[in-house]
Amino acid sequence: MRHAERLTLPRLLAPALALCLLAAPARARINVVTLPARDSVQLTVYNSADLTLVRESRRLTFKKGLNRLEFSWANTLIDPTSVELRAVERADAIEVLDVSFPPRAANTLEWRIQSETAGDVAVEIHYFTSGIGWTADYAAELEPNEKLMGLAGHVRVQNGSGEDYENAQVRVVVGVIRLVEQIVDLARQRSEEQLGKKPAATTTALRSNLALGRDTYARFRGAVGGRAGGLAAAGEEDELRRKEIRKEELSEYFLYTVEGRDTIPNGWAKRLPSLAAAGVPVVGYYRYEAERTGGNVVRYYRFTNAAPSRLGKEPLPDGAVKAFRLTGPERLYEYAGGARMKYAPLDETVELEMGPDRQVLVKPALMNWEKTDVRFDTRGEVKGWTTRETWEFELRNSRQTDIVLDLRRNFAGDWSLATAAPYEKMDAGKVRFLAPLKARETKRFGYELTTRHGINATR
């Protein structure tokens, strides 16, 4: 059967469509030999819920009267409870009476369709599937002074749904859409029922699932399926021209539409450019916090997804970032590190943690420690004391550019600090020193920490 389907639907694994004549015996299933191929298909991919809305266009031949139409989803992650069919031509003459899951025909549903006309009719079939996903990745190119950068983004789409899609338009959703069910769970549950691994759903439960699927589909289609119009017939595409991604703002999320159409077989992946911005203001800084960075100095880059930063036209999807620096008069490339960027709405600041930088060092040294003001109770036991620690820090910038070092220290208990260096108290137990360092500069600073313990503590 799979071989026969491929003869009539090239590269199509599922769904298989067949028209069954009403005049056949009740238990016979007479399939049309030449199955209708898709004219075109549109995939709207929403990543967080592992969910894709599929819209197929086909031409079906109806006879006047009652027709039966089969839909199969074997070996795919299609959710059968979400499948819908509608005529886009002669809609007033074509009526879907009902849909049922036929006995002794696994992974198959059947529509009963009343047609007041005979001949070819254009129809659309809609359903949800899982297994199609997309990811974003970025490349940042920093100027030698690390104050400006170019930012390029890409979208990579992967198909692991078990189904091949020919002549497909791909759209991906950036943002949050809330759904009442995970479609993949519904699809797998129904497949297990068909295989006998689970008890078959009762009529009531089955109708409930169908209603749920249709309700979810209706809300999802209203959100992301209705704005791009019907499926247009595909023209010939100039493969020498790089494809682009068109972006539309739809309320609180964005829709990225990949230009042109592709054949998307199961196991397929493709990477396409989505963003290119030059001259983006960026702030590079370096942070040392022994408890968190393990004695290393960690490099960060910060920028804002806003119009003044030459960005801010759409939210930035979460994804991996690789950063490169241009160095020297020849502007040679130097790999600066990799980071993971969180989803960034409009006007939000993005902070990228690029990992340790061996060219910036902090060397802390405990120069002196003493215990004073020891206090005893009437039994001679220690009830209070005060410690004083004298620390010195060597800060070294071996880079060829000026930097700002963010040095943080954590203290516990009732403490006070004496130092000539300016600092900021961030909370009850943390301070921050901001130390500008010129290229190849080394500087030192120190402080005295006083900590009161036991009954010596005043807070």
Protein backbone atom coordinates (compact mmCIF):
# COMPACT_ATOMS: atom_id res chain seq x y z
CA MET A 1 0.00 0.00 0.00
CA ARG A 2 2.87 2.34 0.80
CA HIS A 3 4.38 1.55 -2.64
CA ALA A 4 1.08 2.27 -4.38
CA GLU A 5 0.70 5.56 -2.53
CA ARG A 6 4.12 6.71 -3.64
CA LEU A 7 3.22 6.00 -7.27
CA THR A 8 0.26 8.32 -7.07
CA LEU A 9 1.52 10.77 -4.41
CA PRO A 10 5.27 11.23 -4.96
CA ARG A 11 7.19 11.41 -1.64
CA LEU A 12 3.91 11.33 0.27
CA LEU A 13 3.84 8.89 3.20
CA ALA A 14 0.58 10.14 4.79
CA PRO A 15 -2.17 11.20 4.77
CA ALA A 16 -3.54 8.99 1.93
CA LEU A 17 -6.84 10.14 0.49
CA ALA A 18 -9.34 7.88 -1.30
CA LEU A 19 -12.92 8.28 -2.40
CA CYS A 20 -15.29 5.40 -1.59
CA LEU A 21 -18.55 4.98 -3.46
CA LEU A 22 -21.69 4.85 -1.30
CA ALA A 23 -23.14 2.11 -3.49
CA ALA A 24 -20.48 -0.39 -2.34
CA PRO A 25 -21.39 -2.98 0.33
CA ALA A 26 -21.27 -1.63 3.86
CA ARG A 27 -18.10 -3.50 4.85
CA ALA A 28 -16.25 -3.10 1.51
CA ARG A 29 -13.68 -0.33 1.14
CA ILE A 30 -13.16 0.47 -2.56
CA ASN A 31 -10.25 2.89 -3.08
CA VAL A 32 -9.79 5.05 -6.15
CA VAL A 33 -6.61 4.03 -7.99
CA THR A 34 -5.30 7.53 -8.78
CA LEU A 35 -5.11 9.42 -5.51
CA PRO A 36 -5.08 13.23 -5.69
CA ALA A 37 -1.76 14.83 -4.83
CA ARG A 38 -1.46 18.07 -2.88
CA ASP A 39 -1.44 21.22 -4.95
CA SER A 40 0.27 23.12 -2.15
CA VAL A 41 0.66 23.10 1.62
CA GLN A 42 1.31 25.70 4.30
CA LEU A 43 3.07 24.88 7.60
CA THR A 44 2.75 27.25 10.56
CA VAL A 45 5.21 26.07 13.19
CA TYR A 46 4.87 26.96 16.86
CA ASN A 47 7.88 25.64 18.75
CA SER A 48 7.05 25.76 22.47
CA ALA A 49 4.04 23.42 22.21
CA ASP A 50 5.65 21.13 19.57
CA LEU A 51 2.77 22.11 17.33
CA THR A 52 2.34 22.79 13.61
CA LEU A 53 -0.82 23.85 11.81
CA VAL A 54 -0.93 22.22 8.35
CA ARG A 55 -3.14 23.62 5.57
CA GLU A 56 -3.28 21.52 2.40
CA SER A 57 -4.96 22.36 -0.88
CA ARG A 58 -6.12 19.54 -3.19
CA ARG A 59 -8.53 18.99 -6.04
CA LEU A 60 -11.01 16.16 -5.42
CA THR A 61 -13.54 14.64 -7.82
CA PHE A 62 -17.02 14.31 -6.33
CA LYS A 63 -20.03 12.55 -7.73
CA LYS A 64 -23.44 14.05 -7.18
CA GLY A 65 -24.93 12.61 -4.02
CA LEU A 66 -23.23 10.98 -1.05
CA ASN A 67 -19.41 10.54 -1.15
CA ARG A 68 -16.99 8.95 1.27
CA LEU A 69 -13.51 10.35 1.78
CA GLU A 70 -10.77 8.63 3.76
CA PHE A 71 -7.85 10.22 5.59
CA SER A 72 -4.95 8.14 6.97
CA TRP A 73 -2.19 9.24 9.35
CA ALA A 74 -0.25 5.98 9.79
CA ASN A 75 3.39 6.38 10.95
CA THR A 76 3.00 10.12 11.48
CA LEU A 77 2.39 12.44 14.45
CA ILE A 78 -0.76 13.97 12.93
CA ASP A 79 -3.53 14.59 15.47
CA PRO A 80 -6.65 12.98 13.91
CA THR A 81 -9.02 14.85 16.22
CA SER A 82 -7.97 18.14 14.65
CA VAL A 83 -8.54 17.19 10.98
CA GLU A 84 -10.98 19.44 9.12
CA LEU A 85 -12.05 19.63 5.48
CA ARG A 86 -13.80 22.46 3.65
CA ALA A 87 -14.54 23.23 0.02
CA VAL A 88 -13.05 26.47 -1.26
CA GLU A 89 -15.04 26.22 -4.50
CA ARG A 90 -18.80 25.60 -4.72
CA ALA A 91 -18.94 25.67 -0.93
CA ASP A 92 -22.73 26.04 -1.02
CA ALA A 93 -23.01 22.72 -2.88
CA ILE A 94 -20.59 20.68 -0.72
CA GLU A 95 -21.58 19.69 2.85
CA VAL A 96 -19.59 17.56 5.29
CA LEU A 97 -22.24 15.46 7.07
CA ASP A 98 -20.05 13.75 9.68
CA VAL A 99 -16.70 12.16 10.39
CA SER A 100 -15.99 8.77 12.00
CA PHE A 101 -13.10 6.41 12.78
CA PRO A 102 -13.86 3.24 10.69
CA PRO A 103 -13.69 -0.16 12.40
CA ARG A 104 -10.99 -2.57 11.21
CA ALA A 105 -9.15 0.32 9.52
CA ALA A 106 -6.38 1.53 11.82
CA ASN A 107 -5.20 5.15 11.66
CA THR A 108 -8.02 6.12 9.32
CA LEU A 109 -11.00 8.43 9.55
CA GLU A 110 -13.84 8.79 7.08
CA TRP A 111 -15.85 11.83 6.05
CA ARG A 112 -19.36 11.49 4.62
CA ILE A 113 -19.82 14.35 2.17
CA GLN A 114 -23.00 15.35 0.37
CA SER A 115 -22.37 17.00 -2.99
CA GLU A 116 -25.01 18.75 -5.09
CA THR A 117 -22.59 18.90 -7.99
CA ALA A 118 -20.35 16.47 -9.90
CA GLY A 119 -16.76 17.15 -10.93
CA ASP A 120 -13.48 18.51 -9.60
CA VAL A 121 -13.63 20.78 -6.54
CA ALA A 122 -10.77 22.59 -4.77
CA VAL A 123 -10.71 21.74 -1.05
CA GLU A 124 -8.55 22.62 1.93
CA ILE A 125 -7.64 20.12 4.66
CA HIS A 126 -6.38 21.44 7.99
CA TYR A 127 -4.89 19.59 10.94
CA PHE A 128 -2.27 19.74 13.67
CA THR A 129 0.90 17.71 13.72
CA SER A 130 3.90 17.55 16.01
CA GLY A 131 7.51 16.72 15.19
CA ILE A 132 8.19 19.86 13.12
CA GLY A 133 10.26 22.42 14.97
CA TRP A 134 12.50 25.41 14.49
CA THR A 135 15.43 27.01 16.26
CA ALA A 136 17.15 30.38 16.01
CA ASP A 137 20.87 31.12 16.09
CA TYR A 138 22.90 34.32 15.89
CA ALA A 139 26.37 35.55 14.97
CA ALA A 140 27.68 38.75 16.60
CA GLU A 141 30.63 40.58 15.03
CA LEU A 142 32.18 43.10 17.43
CA GLU A 143 34.28 46.10 16.46
CA PRO A 144 37.77 46.26 18.04
CA ASN A 145 36.58 48.71 20.73
CA GLU A 146 33.64 46.39 21.59
CA LYS A 147 31.20 49.31 21.49
CA LEU A 148 29.46 48.41 18.23
CA MET A 149 28.56 45.10 16.65
CA GLY A 150 26.84 43.55 13.69
CA LEU A 151 24.16 41.00 14.52
CA ALA A 152 22.98 38.34 12.07
CA GLY A 153 20.21 35.86 12.82
CA HIS A 154 19.09 32.61 11.21
CA VAL A 155 16.12 30.28 11.53
CA ARG A 156 16.60 26.52 11.16
CA VAL A 157 13.48 24.40 10.47
CA GLN A 158 13.49 20.60 11.02
CA ASN A 159 10.87 18.03 10.02
CA GLY A 160 10.60 14.90 12.16
CA SER A 161 6.83 14.44 11.84
CA GLY A 162 6.95 11.21 9.81
CA GLU A 163 5.32 12.97 6.83
CA ASP A 164 6.79 14.48 3.65
CA TYR A 165 5.42 17.87 2.57
CA GLU A 166 5.81 18.92 -1.06
CA ASN A 167 5.67 22.48 -2.35
CA ALA A 168 5.35 23.82 1.19
CA GLN A 169 5.29 27.38 2.46
CA VAL A 170 6.89 27.59 5.92
CA ARG A 171 5.89 30.05 8.64
CA VAL A 172 7.21 30.11 12.21
CA VAL A 173 5.60 31.81 15.22
CA VAL A 174 7.70 33.88 17.65
CA GLY A 175 5.87 34.48 20.94
CA VAL A 176 3.43 32.79 23.29
CA ILE A 177 0.13 31.17 22.28
CA ARG A 178 -1.66 29.19 24.99
CA LEU A 179 -3.38 25.92 24.06
CA VAL A 180 -5.48 23.60 26.23
CA GLU A 181 -3.77 20.37 25.11
CA GLN A 182 -0.43 19.15 23.85
CA ILE A 183 -1.30 17.87 20.38
CA VAL A 184 1.39 15.20 20.40
CA ASP A 185 -0.29 13.50 23.41
CA LEU A 186 -3.63 13.36 21.62
CA ALA A 187 -2.05 11.91 18.50
CA ARG A 188 -0.16 9.22 20.38
CA GLN A 189 -3.18 8.33 22.51
CA ARG A 190 -5.31 7.80 19.43
CA SER A 191 -2.60 5.71 17.74
CA GLU A 192 -2.34 3.45 20.79
CA GLU A 193 -6.10 2.96 20.80
CA GLN A 194 -6.06 1.98 17.14
CA LEU A 195 -3.26 -0.53 17.78
CA GLY A 196 -5.14 -2.04 20.71
CA LYS A 197 -2.60 -0.95 23.32
CA LYS A 198 -5.27 1.07 25.10
CA PRO A 199 -9.03 0.56 25.43
CA ALA A 200 -10.87 2.29 22.64
CA ALA A 201 -12.45 5.59 23.59
CA THR A 202 -16.14 5.58 24.31
CA THR A 203 -18.43 7.40 21.94
CA THR A 204 -18.75 10.26 24.40
CA ALA A 205 -14.99 10.55 24.91
CA LEU A 206 -14.38 10.33 21.18
CA ARG A 207 -16.83 13.13 20.50
CA SER A 208 -15.22 15.15 23.27
CA ASN A 209 -11.78 14.70 21.70
CA LEU A 210 -13.11 15.67 18.30
CA ALA A 211 -14.74 18.78 19.77
CA LEU A 212 -11.54 19.64 21.59
CA GLY A 213 -9.45 19.25 18.48
CA ARG A 214 -11.82 21.40 16.43
CA ASP A 215 -12.02 24.06 19.14
CA THR A 216 -8.22 24.17 19.46
CA TYR A 217 -7.86 24.30 15.69
CA ALA A 218 -10.40 27.11 15.38
CA ARG A 219 -8.65 29.23 18.01
CA PHE A 220 -5.21 28.53 16.61
CA ARG A 221 -6.28 29.20 13.04
CA GLY A 222 -7.85 32.46 14.14
CA ALA A 223 -4.55 33.42 15.72
CA VAL A 224 -1.98 32.39 13.13
CA GLY A 225 -3.81 30.78 10.24
CA GLY A 226 -6.17 33.45 9.07
CA ARG A 227 -3.86 36.36 8.40
CA ALA A 228 -1.99 35.03 5.38
CA GLY A 229 -5.05 34.22 3.26
CA GLY A 230 -5.60 31.07 1.21
CA LEU A 231 -2.93 28.88 -0.31
CA ALA A 232 -1.67 30.34 -3.53
CA ALA A 233 -0.57 28.15 -6.40
CA ALA A 234 3.23 27.84 -6.39
CA GLY A 235 5.15 29.41 -9.23
CA GLU A 236 8.61 28.48 -10.41
CA GLU A 237 11.25 29.75 -8.02
CA ASP A 238 14.61 31.23 -8.94
CA GLU A 239 16.97 29.04 -6.91
CA LEU A 240 19.88 31.44 -7.46
CA ARG A 241 18.17 34.17 -5.43
CA ARG A 242 18.56 33.95 -1.66
CA LYS A 243 15.29 33.45 0.14
CA GLU A 244 14.08 36.04 2.61
CA ILE A 245 11.85 35.90 5.68
CA ARG A 246 8.83 38.22 5.83
CA LYS A 247 7.73 39.26 9.33
CA GLU A 248 4.27 40.29 10.50
CA GLU A 249 3.26 41.61 13.90
CA LEU A 250 0.19 39.79 15.20
CA SER A 251 -0.77 41.13 18.62
CA GLU A 252 1.75 39.86 21.21
CA TYR A 253 3.68 37.61 18.82
CA PHE A 254 5.33 37.70 15.40
CA LEU A 255 4.92 35.50 12.36
CA TYR A 256 7.99 34.78 10.22
CA THR A 257 7.15 33.63 6.69
CA VAL A 258 9.94 32.01 4.65
CA GLU A 259 9.93 33.29 1.10
CA GLY A 260 9.13 30.78 -1.64
CA ARG A 261 8.28 27.10 -1.28
CA ASP A 262 10.24 23.94 -0.56
CA THR A 263 9.79 20.21 -0.59
CA ILE A 264 10.17 19.23 3.06
CA PRO A 265 10.75 15.49 3.45
CA ASN A 266 10.75 13.78 6.81
CA GLY A 267 14.23 14.20 8.33
CA TRP A 268 14.74 17.49 6.45
CA ALA A 269 16.36 20.60 7.92
CA LYS A 270 17.09 24.01 6.41
CA ARG A 271 18.76 27.18 7.72
CA LEU A 272 17.58 30.57 6.44
CA PRO A 273 18.62 34.17 7.27
CA SER A 274 16.14 36.12 9.42
CA LEU A 275 18.00 39.19 10.71
CA ALA A 276 20.87 41.47 9.69
CA ALA A 277 21.68 44.60 11.70
CA ALA A 278 24.85 46.71 11.61
CA GLY A 279 26.15 49.29 14.08
CA VAL A 280 24.29 47.89 17.09
CA PRO A 281 25.51 49.64 20.29
CA VAL A 282 26.89 47.09 22.74
CA VAL A 283 28.44 47.31 26.19
CA GLY A 284 31.18 44.85 27.03
CA TYR A 285 32.07 44.32 30.68
CA TYR A 286 33.82 41.80 32.87
CA ARG A 287 32.63 40.31 36.13
CA TYR A 288 34.46 38.63 38.97
CA GLU A 289 32.55 36.98 41.82
CA ALA A 290 34.49 34.12 43.40
CA GLU A 291 31.38 32.27 44.62
CA ARG A 292 29.87 32.21 41.12
CA THR A 293 32.74 32.40 38.63
CA GLY A 294 35.18 30.12 40.47
CA GLY A 295 38.02 32.64 40.50
CA ASN A 296 37.67 33.44 36.78
CA VAL A 297 36.76 36.74 35.19
CA VAL A 298 33.69 36.24 32.97
CA ARG A 299 33.02 38.43 29.94
CA TYR A 300 29.52 39.79 29.21
CA TYR A 301 27.99 41.73 26.34
CA ARG A 302 24.81 43.75 26.79
CA PHE A 303 22.55 45.38 24.18
CA THR A 304 18.91 46.45 23.91
CA ASN A 305 16.37 45.19 21.40
CA ALA A 306 15.06 48.67 20.57
CA ALA A 307 14.94 51.13 17.68
CA PRO A 308 17.77 53.36 19.02
CA SER A 309 19.97 50.24 18.88
CA ARG A 310 19.03 49.66 15.22
CA LEU A 311 16.93 46.72 16.34
CA GLY A 312 13.45 46.62 17.88
CA LYS A 313 11.45 45.74 14.78
CA GLU A 314 10.41 42.38 16.22
CA PRO A 315 11.10 40.23 19.30
CA LEU A 316 14.25 38.13 19.12
CA PRO A 317 13.69 34.36 19.54
CA ASP A 318 15.82 32.53 22.05
CA GLY A 319 18.81 30.83 20.51
CA ALA A 320 22.55 30.20 20.52
CA VAL A 321 24.91 33.14 19.91
CA LYS A 322 28.47 32.93 18.62
CA ALA A 323 30.49 36.11 19.02
CA PHE A 324 33.57 37.18 17.07
CA ARG A 325 35.87 40.19 17.52
CA LEU A 326 37.67 42.13 14.82
CA THR A 327 41.26 42.75 15.94
CA GLY A 328 44.24 44.74 14.71
CA PRO A 329 44.66 46.95 11.63
CA GLU A 330 43.88 43.95 9.41
CA ARG A 331 40.57 43.43 11.27
CA LEU A 332 41.26 39.75 11.74
CA TYR A 333 38.57 37.50 13.23
CA GLU A 334 38.91 36.26 16.80
CA TYR A 335 36.38 33.94 18.40
CA ALA A 336 35.03 35.67 21.51
CA GLY A 337 32.85 32.85 22.82
CA GLY A 338 29.34 31.44 22.76
CA ALA A 339 26.23 32.12 24.81
CA ARG A 340 22.54 31.31 25.00
CA MET A 341 20.19 34.24 24.43
CA LYS A 342 16.78 34.24 26.07
CA TYR A 343 13.67 35.37 24.21
CA ALA A 344 13.88 39.18 24.02
CA PRO A 345 10.66 41.21 23.58
CA LEU A 346 10.79 44.72 22.17
CA ASP A 347 12.73 47.27 24.26
CA GLU A 348 14.24 44.58 26.51
CA THR A 349 17.93 44.48 27.43
CA VAL A 350 19.82 41.33 26.47
CA GLU A 351 22.77 40.12 28.53
CA LEU A 352 25.09 37.53 27.01
CA GLU A 353 27.46 35.57 29.24
CA MET A 354 30.40 34.67 27.02
CA GLY A 355 32.48 32.64 29.47
CA PRO A 356 35.87 33.17 31.15
CA ASP A 357 38.39 35.59 29.65
CA ARG A 358 41.98 34.62 30.44
CA GLN A 359 43.28 38.06 29.46
CA VAL A 360 41.63 39.71 32.46
CA LEU A 361 42.79 38.55 35.90
CA VAL A 362 41.87 39.21 39.52
CA LYS A 363 44.28 38.09 42.22
CA PRO A 364 42.85 38.44 45.75
CA ALA A 365 45.22 38.19 48.71
CA LEU A 366 44.36 38.07 52.42
CA MET A 367 47.07 40.27 53.94
CA ASN A 368 46.03 40.09 57.59
CA TRP A 369 43.41 38.50 59.85
CA GLU A 370 42.82 39.13 63.52
CA LYS A 371 40.25 38.45 66.22
CA THR A 372 39.54 41.20 68.74
CA ASP A 373 37.05 42.26 71.38
CA VAL A 374 36.43 38.72 72.62
CA ARG A 375 33.63 38.64 75.22
CA PHE A 376 32.79 35.87 77.70
CA ASP A 377 29.77 34.92 79.77
CA THR A 378 29.85 34.15 83.54
CA ARG A 379 30.94 30.55 82.86
CA GLY A 380 33.92 31.69 80.78
CA GLU A 381 32.48 30.69 77.42
CA VAL A 382 32.97 32.93 74.40
CA LYS A 383 29.77 34.83 73.58
CA GLY A 384 31.01 37.49 71.20
CA TRP A 385 34.02 38.49 69.13
CA THR A 386 35.07 40.72 66.23
CA THR A 387 37.24 39.81 63.22
CA ARG A 388 39.18 42.14 60.94
CA GLU A 389 40.37 41.04 57.51
CA THR A 390 42.71 43.07 55.33
CA TRP A 391 42.44 42.22 51.61
CA GLU A 392 44.43 43.41 48.62
CA PHE A 393 43.42 42.82 44.97
CA GLU A 394 45.58 42.94 41.87
CA LEU A 395 43.56 43.70 38.71
CA ARG A 396 45.24 43.05 35.37
CA ASN A 397 43.95 43.83 31.88
CA SER A 398 46.16 42.16 29.25
CA ARG A 399 43.80 43.08 26.43
CA GLN A 400 44.50 45.79 23.86
CA THR A 401 41.25 47.60 24.65
CA ASP A 402 39.98 49.48 27.69
CA ILE A 403 37.53 47.57 29.86
CA VAL A 404 35.35 47.95 32.96
CA LEU A 405 35.72 45.26 35.62
CA ASP A 406 32.73 44.50 37.86
CA LEU A 407 34.20 42.95 41.02
CA ARG A 408 31.70 41.62 43.58
CA ARG A 409 32.25 40.48 47.15
CA ASN A 410 29.84 38.65 49.45
CA PHE A 411 29.80 39.08 53.23
CA ALA A 412 27.75 37.48 56.00
CA GLY A 413 26.58 38.73 59.41
CA ASP A 414 27.07 42.21 60.89
CA TRP A 415 29.83 43.71 58.77
CA SER A 416 31.32 47.05 57.79
CA LEU A 417 33.86 48.01 55.14
CA ALA A 418 36.69 50.54 55.18
CA THR A 419 38.27 51.36 51.80
CA ALA A 420 39.42 54.27 49.67
CA ALA A 421 37.91 52.64 46.57
CA PRO A 422 34.34 53.60 45.62
CA TYR A 423 31.82 50.77 45.85
CA GLU A 424 28.06 50.09 45.70
CA LYS A 425 26.16 48.10 48.29
CA MET A 426 23.90 45.86 46.21
CA ASP A 427 22.06 44.15 49.10
CA ALA A 428 22.58 43.22 52.76
CA GLY A 429 25.43 40.86 51.93
CA LYS A 430 26.98 42.01 48.64
CA VAL A 431 29.07 44.95 47.38
CA ARG A 432 30.30 45.83 43.91
CA PHE A 433 33.47 47.65 42.84
CA LEU A 434 33.51 49.05 39.29
CA ALA A 435 37.12 49.38 38.18
CA PRO A 436 37.95 50.92 34.78
CA LEU A 437 41.14 49.42 33.36
CA LYS A 438 42.99 50.79 30.37
CA ALA A 439 44.59 48.51 27.81
CA ARG A 440 47.44 46.51 29.38
CA GLU A 441 46.95 48.22 32.74
CA THR A 442 47.50 46.69 36.17
CA LYS A 443 46.16 48.33 39.31
CA ARG A 444 45.65 47.46 42.97
CA PHE A 445 43.15 48.34 45.63
CA GLY A 446 42.25 47.02 49.06
CA TYR A 447 39.78 47.12 51.92
CA GLU A 448 39.42 46.21 55.57
CA LEU A 449 36.41 44.10 56.48
CA THR A 450 35.16 44.17 60.07
CA THR A 451 32.66 41.49 61.12
CA ARG A 452 30.97 41.38 64.53
CA HIS A 453 29.90 37.97 65.84
CA GLY A 454 27.69 36.77 68.70
CA ILE A 455 26.72 39.42 71.25
CA ASN A 456 29.06 41.88 69.54
CA ALA A 457 26.70 42.08 66.55
CA THR A 458 24.47 45.12 66.51
CA ARG A 459 22.08 43.79 63.85
